[in-house]
Protein backbone atom coordinates (compact mmCIF):
# COMPACT_ATOMS: atom_id res chain seq x y z
CA MET A 1 101.21 85.11 48.77
CA LYS A 2 98.94 86.62 51.30
CA THR A 3 99.21 89.64 53.46
CA SER A 4 99.38 87.45 56.58
CA SER A 5 99.58 83.81 57.54
CA ILE A 6 96.02 83.90 58.78
CA ALA A 7 97.09 87.09 60.60
CA ARG A 8 98.04 85.01 63.62
CA ARG A 9 96.81 86.64 66.77
CA ALA A 10 97.64 90.32 66.44
CA SER A 11 94.91 91.15 68.95
CA LEU A 12 97.12 93.14 71.33
CA ALA A 13 98.16 95.52 68.60
CA LEU A 14 94.54 95.65 67.47
CA SER A 15 93.34 96.85 70.85
CA LEU A 16 96.00 99.57 70.90
CA LEU A 17 95.53 100.78 67.34
CA LEU A 18 91.78 100.47 66.80
CA PRO A 19 90.79 103.93 68.13
CA ALA A 20 93.22 105.60 65.72
CA ALA A 21 91.86 103.59 62.82
CA LEU A 22 88.30 104.53 63.65
CA ALA A 23 89.31 108.18 63.79
CA GLN A 24 90.61 108.00 60.24
CA ALA A 25 87.53 106.46 58.66
CA ALA A 26 84.08 105.72 60.01
CA PRO A 27 81.50 103.46 58.33
CA GLY A 28 78.41 105.04 56.86
CA ASP A 29 77.45 106.68 53.60
CA ASP A 30 81.08 106.71 52.46
CA PHE A 31 81.07 102.93 52.33
CA GLY A 32 78.02 102.89 50.10
CA SER A 33 79.60 105.45 47.80
CA CYS A 34 82.76 103.39 47.67
CA LEU A 35 80.81 100.26 46.70
CA ASN A 36 79.11 102.21 43.93
CA ARG A 37 82.51 103.19 42.56
CA LEU A 38 83.74 99.63 42.86
CA GLN A 39 80.78 98.35 40.87
CA GLY A 40 82.01 100.19 37.79
CA ALA A 41 85.51 98.80 38.20
CA ALA A 42 84.12 95.31 38.74
CA GLN A 43 81.97 95.49 35.61
CA ALA A 44 85.04 96.50 33.63
CA LYS A 45 86.66 93.27 34.86
CA GLY A 46 83.72 91.12 33.84
CA VAL A 47 81.55 91.09 36.96
CA SER A 48 77.94 91.56 35.90
CA ALA A 49 75.71 94.12 37.57
CA ALA A 50 73.45 91.30 38.77
CA SER A 51 76.35 89.41 40.33
CA PHE A 52 77.69 92.53 42.00
CA ALA A 53 74.28 93.33 43.48
CA GLN A 54 73.80 89.74 44.63
CA PHE A 55 77.14 89.36 46.37
CA THR A 56 77.32 92.82 47.94
CA GLN A 57 73.76 92.96 49.21
CA GLY A 58 73.76 93.94 52.87
CA LEU A 59 77.55 94.33 53.12
CA GLN A 60 78.72 96.47 56.02
CA PRO A 61 82.34 97.39 56.75
CA ASP A 62 84.32 95.79 59.55
CA MET A 63 86.69 98.45 60.80
CA THR A 64 88.56 96.02 63.06
CA VAL A 65 90.57 94.82 60.07
CA LEU A 66 92.34 98.16 59.58
CA PRO A 67 94.81 97.97 62.48
CA LEU A 68 95.90 94.54 61.33
CA LEU A 69 97.54 96.09 58.27
CA ASP A 70 100.39 97.18 60.54
CA ALA A 71 100.40 94.28 62.99
CA GLN A 72 101.41 91.25 60.95
CA PRO A 73 103.11 88.72 63.24
CA GLU A 74 105.76 87.88 60.62
CA PHE A 75 107.14 91.38 61.19
CA THR A 76 106.15 92.11 64.81
CA THR A 77 106.98 88.85 66.63
CA PRO A 78 110.52 87.86 67.69
CA ILE A 79 111.64 85.12 65.35
CA TRP A 80 112.26 82.65 68.20
CA ASP A 81 108.65 83.08 69.30
CA TYR A 82 107.32 82.89 65.76
CA LEU A 83 109.17 79.67 64.91
CA ALA A 84 108.60 78.03 68.30
CA GLY A 85 104.86 77.99 67.67
CA LEU A 86 105.02 77.01 64.00
CA VAL A 87 107.80 74.43 63.91
CA ASP A 88 107.05 72.40 67.02
CA ASP A 89 106.90 68.66 67.66
CA GLN A 90 103.13 68.60 67.30
CA ARG A 91 103.15 70.17 63.84
CA VAL A 92 105.97 67.87 62.76
CA ALA A 93 104.11 64.76 63.94
CA ASP A 94 100.88 65.91 62.32
CA GLY A 95 102.71 66.67 59.08
CA LYS A 96 104.31 63.25 58.93
CA ALA A 97 100.89 61.70 59.51
CA ARG A 98 99.42 63.76 56.66
CA MET A 99 102.28 62.75 54.37
CA ALA A 100 101.55 59.10 55.07
CA GLU A 101 97.79 59.58 54.68
CA HIS A 102 98.13 61.38 51.34
CA ALA A 103 101.24 59.60 50.05
CA ASP A 104 99.69 58.58 46.73
CA LEU A 105 98.26 62.05 46.10
CA LEU A 106 101.58 63.69 46.96
CA ARG A 107 103.46 61.40 44.59
CA LYS A 108 101.14 62.43 41.78
CA VAL A 109 101.50 66.11 42.68
CA ALA A 110 105.30 65.81 42.75
CA ALA A 111 105.31 64.05 39.39
CA ARG A 112 103.26 66.80 37.73
CA TYR A 113 104.73 69.90 39.35
CA GLN A 114 108.25 68.76 40.38
CA VAL A 115 107.90 69.99 43.98
CA ASP A 116 108.66 67.52 46.76
CA PRO A 117 105.94 66.38 49.21
CA ALA A 118 107.66 67.70 52.35
CA THR A 119 107.72 71.27 51.05
CA VAL A 120 104.09 71.18 49.91
CA VAL A 121 102.94 69.73 53.23
CA ALA A 122 105.04 72.26 55.16
CA VAL A 123 103.17 75.10 53.43
CA TRP A 124 99.89 73.38 54.31
CA GLY A 125 100.99 73.04 57.94
CA VAL A 126 102.15 76.63 58.39
CA GLU A 127 99.25 78.18 56.51
CA SER A 128 96.31 76.40 58.12
CA ASP A 129 97.60 73.71 60.50
CA TYR A 130 96.78 71.14 57.79
CA GLY A 131 93.35 72.58 57.03
CA ARG A 132 92.22 73.04 60.63
CA ILE A 133 92.46 76.84 60.87
CA THR A 134 91.53 78.70 57.71
CA GLY A 135 90.25 81.98 59.13
CA LYS A 136 86.89 83.15 60.43
CA ARG A 137 86.43 86.55 58.81
CA PRO A 138 83.97 86.82 55.89
CA LEU A 139 86.07 87.54 52.81
CA LEU A 140 83.70 89.98 51.15
CA VAL A 141 83.34 91.99 54.36
CA SER A 142 87.08 92.24 54.99
CA LEU A 143 88.06 92.94 51.41
CA SER A 144 85.33 95.52 50.82
CA THR A 145 86.38 97.33 54.01
CA LEU A 146 90.04 97.31 53.03
CA SER A 147 89.06 98.47 49.55
CA CYS A 148 87.40 101.58 50.96
CA TYR A 149 89.51 102.51 54.02
CA GLY A 150 93.11 102.58 55.13
CA ARG A 151 96.22 102.15 53.06
CA ARG A 152 96.73 99.81 50.08
CA GLN A 153 93.15 100.34 48.92
CA SER A 154 94.06 99.73 45.28
CA PHE A 155 95.56 96.32 46.11
CA PHE A 156 92.53 95.21 48.09
CA GLN A 157 90.11 96.50 45.46
CA GLY A 158 91.75 94.10 43.02
CA GLU A 159 91.34 91.24 45.49
CA PHE A 160 87.72 92.18 46.18
CA ILE A 161 86.89 92.16 42.48
CA ALA A 162 88.78 88.87 42.03
CA THR A 163 86.61 87.35 44.76
CA LEU A 164 83.45 88.52 43.03
CA LYS A 165 84.65 86.93 39.77
CA LEU A 166 85.40 83.63 41.51
CA LEU A 167 81.90 83.65 42.99
CA GLN A 168 80.34 84.50 39.62
CA GLN A 169 82.29 81.69 37.94
CA GLY A 170 81.42 79.15 40.61
CA ASP A 171 85.00 78.50 41.77
CA ILE A 172 83.77 79.75 45.13
CA ARG A 173 80.22 78.60 45.80
CA ASP A 174 79.55 80.27 49.15
CA SER A 175 79.39 84.07 49.23
CA GLY A 176 79.82 83.89 53.01
CA ILE A 177 83.17 82.16 52.72
CA THR A 178 85.64 83.05 55.46
CA GLY A 179 89.39 83.44 55.57
CA SER A 180 92.07 85.67 57.03
CA TRP A 181 91.54 89.35 57.77
CA ALA A 182 93.42 90.18 54.56
CA GLY A 183 91.38 87.91 52.28
CA ALA A 184 93.52 84.77 52.06
CA PHE A 185 91.46 81.61 52.24
CA GLY A 186 91.42 77.88 51.73
CA GLN A 187 93.63 75.12 53.07
CA THR A 188 96.80 76.78 51.81
CA GLN A 189 95.57 80.37 52.04
CA PHE A 190 95.56 81.79 48.53
CA MET A 191 94.64 85.39 47.91
CA PRO A 192 91.72 85.62 45.44
CA SER A 193 93.80 86.94 42.54
CA THR A 194 96.34 84.16 43.10
CA TYR A 195 93.51 81.64 43.24
CA ALA A 196 92.27 82.90 39.89
CA ARG A 197 95.73 82.55 38.28
CA ILE A 198 97.20 79.50 39.96
CA ALA A 199 94.50 77.23 41.42
CA GLU A 200 94.22 73.75 39.90
CA ASP A 201 91.33 71.29 39.62
CA PHE A 202 93.49 68.30 40.51
CA ASP A 203 90.69 65.99 41.61
CA GLY A 204 88.91 66.48 38.28
CA ASP A 205 85.47 67.38 39.60
CA GLY A 206 85.19 70.48 37.42
CA HIS A 207 85.83 72.98 40.23
CA ARG A 208 89.01 74.52 41.59
CA ASP A 209 88.19 74.05 45.26
CA LEU A 210 90.99 74.97 47.64
CA VAL A 211 88.60 74.95 50.59
CA GLY A 212 87.02 71.50 50.46
CA SER A 213 89.46 69.58 48.25
CA THR A 214 92.82 68.64 49.73
CA ALA A 215 93.92 67.43 46.29
CA ASP A 216 93.20 70.80 44.70
CA ALA A 217 94.83 72.68 47.59
CA LEU A 218 98.09 70.71 47.58
CA ALA A 219 98.37 70.65 43.79
CA SER A 220 97.72 74.38 43.60
CA THR A 221 100.41 75.03 46.18
CA ALA A 222 102.91 72.97 44.18
CA ASN A 223 101.85 74.81 41.02
CA TYR A 224 102.47 78.13 42.76
CA LEU A 225 105.96 77.13 43.89
CA ARG A 226 106.84 75.79 40.44
CA LYS A 227 105.76 79.03 38.79
CA ALA A 228 107.75 80.93 41.43
CA GLY A 229 110.92 79.22 40.23
CA TRP A 230 111.19 76.03 42.28
CA ARG A 231 114.02 73.82 41.06
CA GLU A 232 113.39 70.10 41.41
CA GLY A 233 116.00 68.16 43.36
CA GLN A 234 117.63 71.20 44.93
CA PRO A 235 117.44 72.12 48.63
CA TRP A 236 116.07 75.40 49.94
CA GLY A 237 119.36 75.88 51.78
CA TYR A 238 121.17 74.88 54.97
CA GLU A 239 121.94 76.02 58.45
CA VAL A 240 125.62 76.96 58.29
CA LYS A 241 128.60 77.87 60.44
CA LEU A 242 130.30 81.12 59.56
CA PRO A 243 134.04 81.69 59.84
CA ALA A 244 135.43 83.87 62.61
CA GLY A 245 135.30 87.53 61.68
CA PHE A 246 132.59 87.05 59.03
CA ASP A 247 131.48 90.41 57.66
CA ALA A 248 127.77 90.66 58.49
CA ALA A 249 127.40 93.29 55.78
CA LEU A 250 127.62 90.44 53.26
CA ALA A 251 124.39 88.91 54.59
CA GLY A 252 120.99 89.49 53.06
CA ARG A 253 118.61 87.57 50.81
CA THR A 254 119.40 89.70 47.77
CA LYS A 255 123.20 89.68 48.26
CA ARG A 256 123.87 86.56 46.24
CA ARG A 257 127.19 85.00 45.43
CA ALA A 258 128.32 81.78 43.81
CA LEU A 259 128.37 78.83 46.19
CA SER A 260 132.08 78.48 45.55
CA ASP A 261 132.56 82.05 46.79
CA TRP A 262 130.88 81.27 50.11
CA THR A 263 132.78 78.05 50.62
CA SER A 264 136.06 79.78 49.79
CA ARG A 265 135.25 82.27 52.56
CA GLY A 266 134.97 79.40 55.03
CA VAL A 267 131.19 78.93 55.18
CA THR A 268 130.38 75.31 56.10
CA ARG A 269 127.25 73.35 56.86
CA ILE A 270 126.48 73.14 60.56
CA ASP A 271 126.11 69.36 60.33
CA GLY A 272 129.57 68.95 58.83
CA LYS A 273 128.32 67.61 55.50
CA PRO A 274 129.75 69.11 52.31
CA ILE A 275 127.89 71.82 50.46
CA PRO A 276 126.96 70.27 47.10
CA SER A 277 128.46 71.81 44.01
CA ILE A 278 125.36 73.35 42.45
CA ASP A 279 125.48 75.85 39.63
CA SER A 280 123.52 78.39 41.61
CA LYS A 281 124.00 81.56 43.57
CA ALA A 282 123.20 81.70 47.26
CA ALA A 283 122.80 84.23 50.05
CA ILE A 284 123.55 84.25 53.76
CA LEU A 285 120.73 85.04 56.19
CA LEU A 286 121.27 86.22 59.75
CA PRO A 287 117.67 86.64 60.95
CA ALA A 288 118.70 87.35 64.55
CA GLY A 289 122.09 88.92 63.91
CA GLY A 290 125.57 87.46 64.02
CA ASN A 291 125.04 85.67 67.35
CA GLY A 292 122.13 83.55 66.16
CA PRO A 293 121.62 80.84 63.55
CA ALA A 294 122.98 81.48 60.06
CA PHE A 295 121.53 80.10 56.85
CA LEU A 296 122.81 79.66 53.31
CA VAL A 297 119.74 79.98 51.05
CA LEU A 298 119.34 79.01 47.40
CA ARG A 299 116.79 79.68 44.67
CA ASN A 300 114.14 77.44 46.21
CA TYR A 301 114.12 79.60 49.33
CA ASP A 302 113.08 82.52 47.12
CA ALA A 303 110.17 80.47 45.78
CA ILE A 304 109.00 79.88 49.35
CA TYR A 305 109.58 83.54 50.23
CA SER A 306 107.35 84.64 47.35
CA TYR A 307 104.40 82.88 48.99
CA ASN A 308 104.47 85.47 51.78
CA ALA A 309 107.32 87.96 51.70
CA ALA A 310 108.71 87.65 55.22
CA GLU A 311 111.95 85.98 56.27
CA SER A 312 110.45 84.44 59.41
CA TYR A 313 107.60 82.95 57.38
CA ALA A 314 109.87 81.48 54.71
CA LEU A 315 112.17 80.03 57.36
CA ALA A 316 109.21 78.44 59.13
CA ILE A 317 108.26 76.54 55.98
CA ALA A 318 111.86 75.67 55.15
CA LEU A 319 112.65 74.38 58.63
CA LEU A 320 109.36 72.50 58.92
CA SER A 321 110.01 70.81 55.58
CA ASP A 322 113.40 69.67 56.90
CA ARG A 323 111.78 68.19 60.00
CA LEU A 324 109.19 66.42 57.85
CA ARG A 325 112.06 64.78 55.96
CA GLY A 326 113.38 63.47 59.25
CA GLU A 327 116.19 65.97 59.63
CA PRO A 328 117.00 67.49 63.05
CA GLY A 329 116.01 70.97 64.04
CA LEU A 330 118.25 73.99 64.45
CA ARG A 331 121.68 73.37 65.98
CA THR A 332 122.44 76.99 66.89
CA PRO A 333 120.39 78.55 69.72
CA TRP A 334 118.67 81.88 69.28
CA PRO A 335 120.39 84.81 71.00
CA THR A 336 117.92 85.15 73.86
CA ASP A 337 117.76 84.03 77.47
CA ASP A 338 114.00 83.58 77.17
CA PRO A 339 113.18 81.35 74.18
CA GLY A 340 109.70 80.96 72.77
CA LEU A 341 107.12 78.32 73.61
CA SER A 342 105.66 75.52 71.53
CA ARG A 343 101.89 75.31 71.29
CA ALA A 344 101.84 72.55 73.92
CA GLN A 345 103.89 74.73 76.26
CA ARG A 346 101.61 77.72 75.65
CA LYS A 347 98.64 75.57 76.60
CA GLU A 348 100.46 74.41 79.74
CA LEU A 349 101.19 78.05 80.61
CA GLN A 350 97.50 78.86 80.32
CA GLU A 351 96.58 75.90 82.50
CA LEU A 352 99.01 77.07 85.18
CA LEU A 353 97.55 80.58 85.04
CA ILE A 354 94.05 79.17 85.47
CA GLN A 355 95.24 77.18 88.49
CA ARG A 356 96.41 80.46 90.00
CA GLY A 357 92.96 81.98 89.64
CA TYR A 358 93.18 83.85 86.35
CA ASP A 359 89.97 83.77 84.31
CA ILE A 360 91.37 83.36 80.81
CA GLY A 361 88.88 80.89 79.35
CA GLN A 362 89.72 77.47 77.99
CA PRO A 363 93.43 76.76 77.46
CA ASP A 364 93.98 76.49 73.72
CA GLY A 365 97.61 77.42 73.22
CA MET A 366 96.66 80.69 71.54
CA ILE A 367 98.06 83.71 73.36
CA GLY A 368 95.55 86.57 73.19
CA ASP A 369 94.96 89.77 75.13
CA VAL A 370 93.44 88.09 78.19
CA THR A 371 96.31 85.63 78.56
CA ARG A 372 98.88 88.38 78.02
CA LYS A 373 97.28 90.49 80.73
CA ALA A 374 97.38 87.55 83.15
CA ILE A 375 101.04 86.90 82.31
CA GLN A 376 101.83 90.58 82.85
CA GLN A 377 100.16 90.53 86.27
CA GLU A 378 102.07 87.41 87.26
CA GLN A 379 105.35 88.90 86.02
CA THR A 380 104.70 92.01 88.11
CA LYS A 381 103.95 89.96 91.23
CA ARG A 382 107.22 88.11 90.80
CA GLY A 383 109.30 91.20 90.06
CA MET A 384 110.13 89.94 86.58
CA THR A 385 111.29 92.53 84.07
CA PRO A 386 110.11 93.51 81.66
CA ALA A 387 106.53 92.81 82.73
CA ASP A 388 105.43 92.77 79.12
CA GLY A 389 102.92 89.92 79.04
CA ARG A 390 105.10 87.84 76.73
CA ALA A 391 104.69 84.07 76.84
CA GLY A 392 108.25 82.78 77.15
CA GLN A 393 110.24 80.08 78.90
CA LYS A 394 110.97 82.23 81.97
CA ILE A 395 107.36 82.72 83.03
CA LEU A 396 106.52 79.10 82.23
CA LYS A 397 109.37 77.80 84.40
CA ALA A 398 108.48 80.21 87.18
CA LEU A 399 104.91 78.90 87.27
CA GLN A 400 106.06 75.29 86.98
CA GLY A 401 108.32 75.84 89.99
CA ALA A 402 105.45 77.32 91.98
CA GLN A 403 103.30 74.18 91.75
């Protein structure tokens, strides 16, 4: 649904790519000319001249968003790192607590939209850590910049104009509203055009408020999934065991076959339970190749995937939803000798670096440039290769052993 899941911490790539981005386009008169052109397009879409002037007054571009177009963590982070931070014990425990807290609301949402509570809450958890982290970049600044510079300008112009319409209509009541670098905002991170099409006023207060209303946010998420083809009562898929000699060329989200075809080839669930006989086609996913976990995915996986078109993202929601239902995590290990860290482990790593004299600020579990540089220095001291600044199990265990 959005261009990034709050564009989680692509700061290293930002520092490397920013000079090139600035060389391509510099703020100044061009930005003003671009806004003038956008005003005509906005008026054609129903944004009045007065509204456009009001909401764009004083806007200045933020060129730091441009490098993030090519640094989305869903595509740049190893999947074992990506999932370790998103599907950890803390997020599972928090999600179960939210499900209990909002049980009545979730029952009503499920009754209206036919999407189960665990899936809706998993989206909420992955997108904003249950409403805690919704993005700090002013939407109008980011979207106007992306509308005038870089690639995909046409896409972002549509989102910029959609934001102006939402402000004019009163669906958004704060022109300084913040969100991700790409313009997604609210508790479940809708892009503005998606907000305009899909958002629901579930609490009945006359406003579709995905920022301040949990009811509106969760109902709107369920509405999105339903419209994306969610099928009530069916699973997203399963972790599976593949037969010896399985042809990896058969794998891929779009390479669908009847379930009976897969089972006849010897595909079985990893937990030993039978694969239900559902009149549906399915695909095999091998996100880390033939030596890692394998998944059999059904139509509901595609509905999740449509929210943000990245396999790692869709798997994060799918696997978190399983954990929220009380199911165990992955059975098959990732094909790496240096698995990723949970958020609690990342925080512990930062605390250990601070104890060793590195000035990296307060430990928060978020791995940014300063922490990566400290890790890289420690890796170099210890002769660890590659000294790449990555926060993994090896450096954590090395520092734990040095206490």
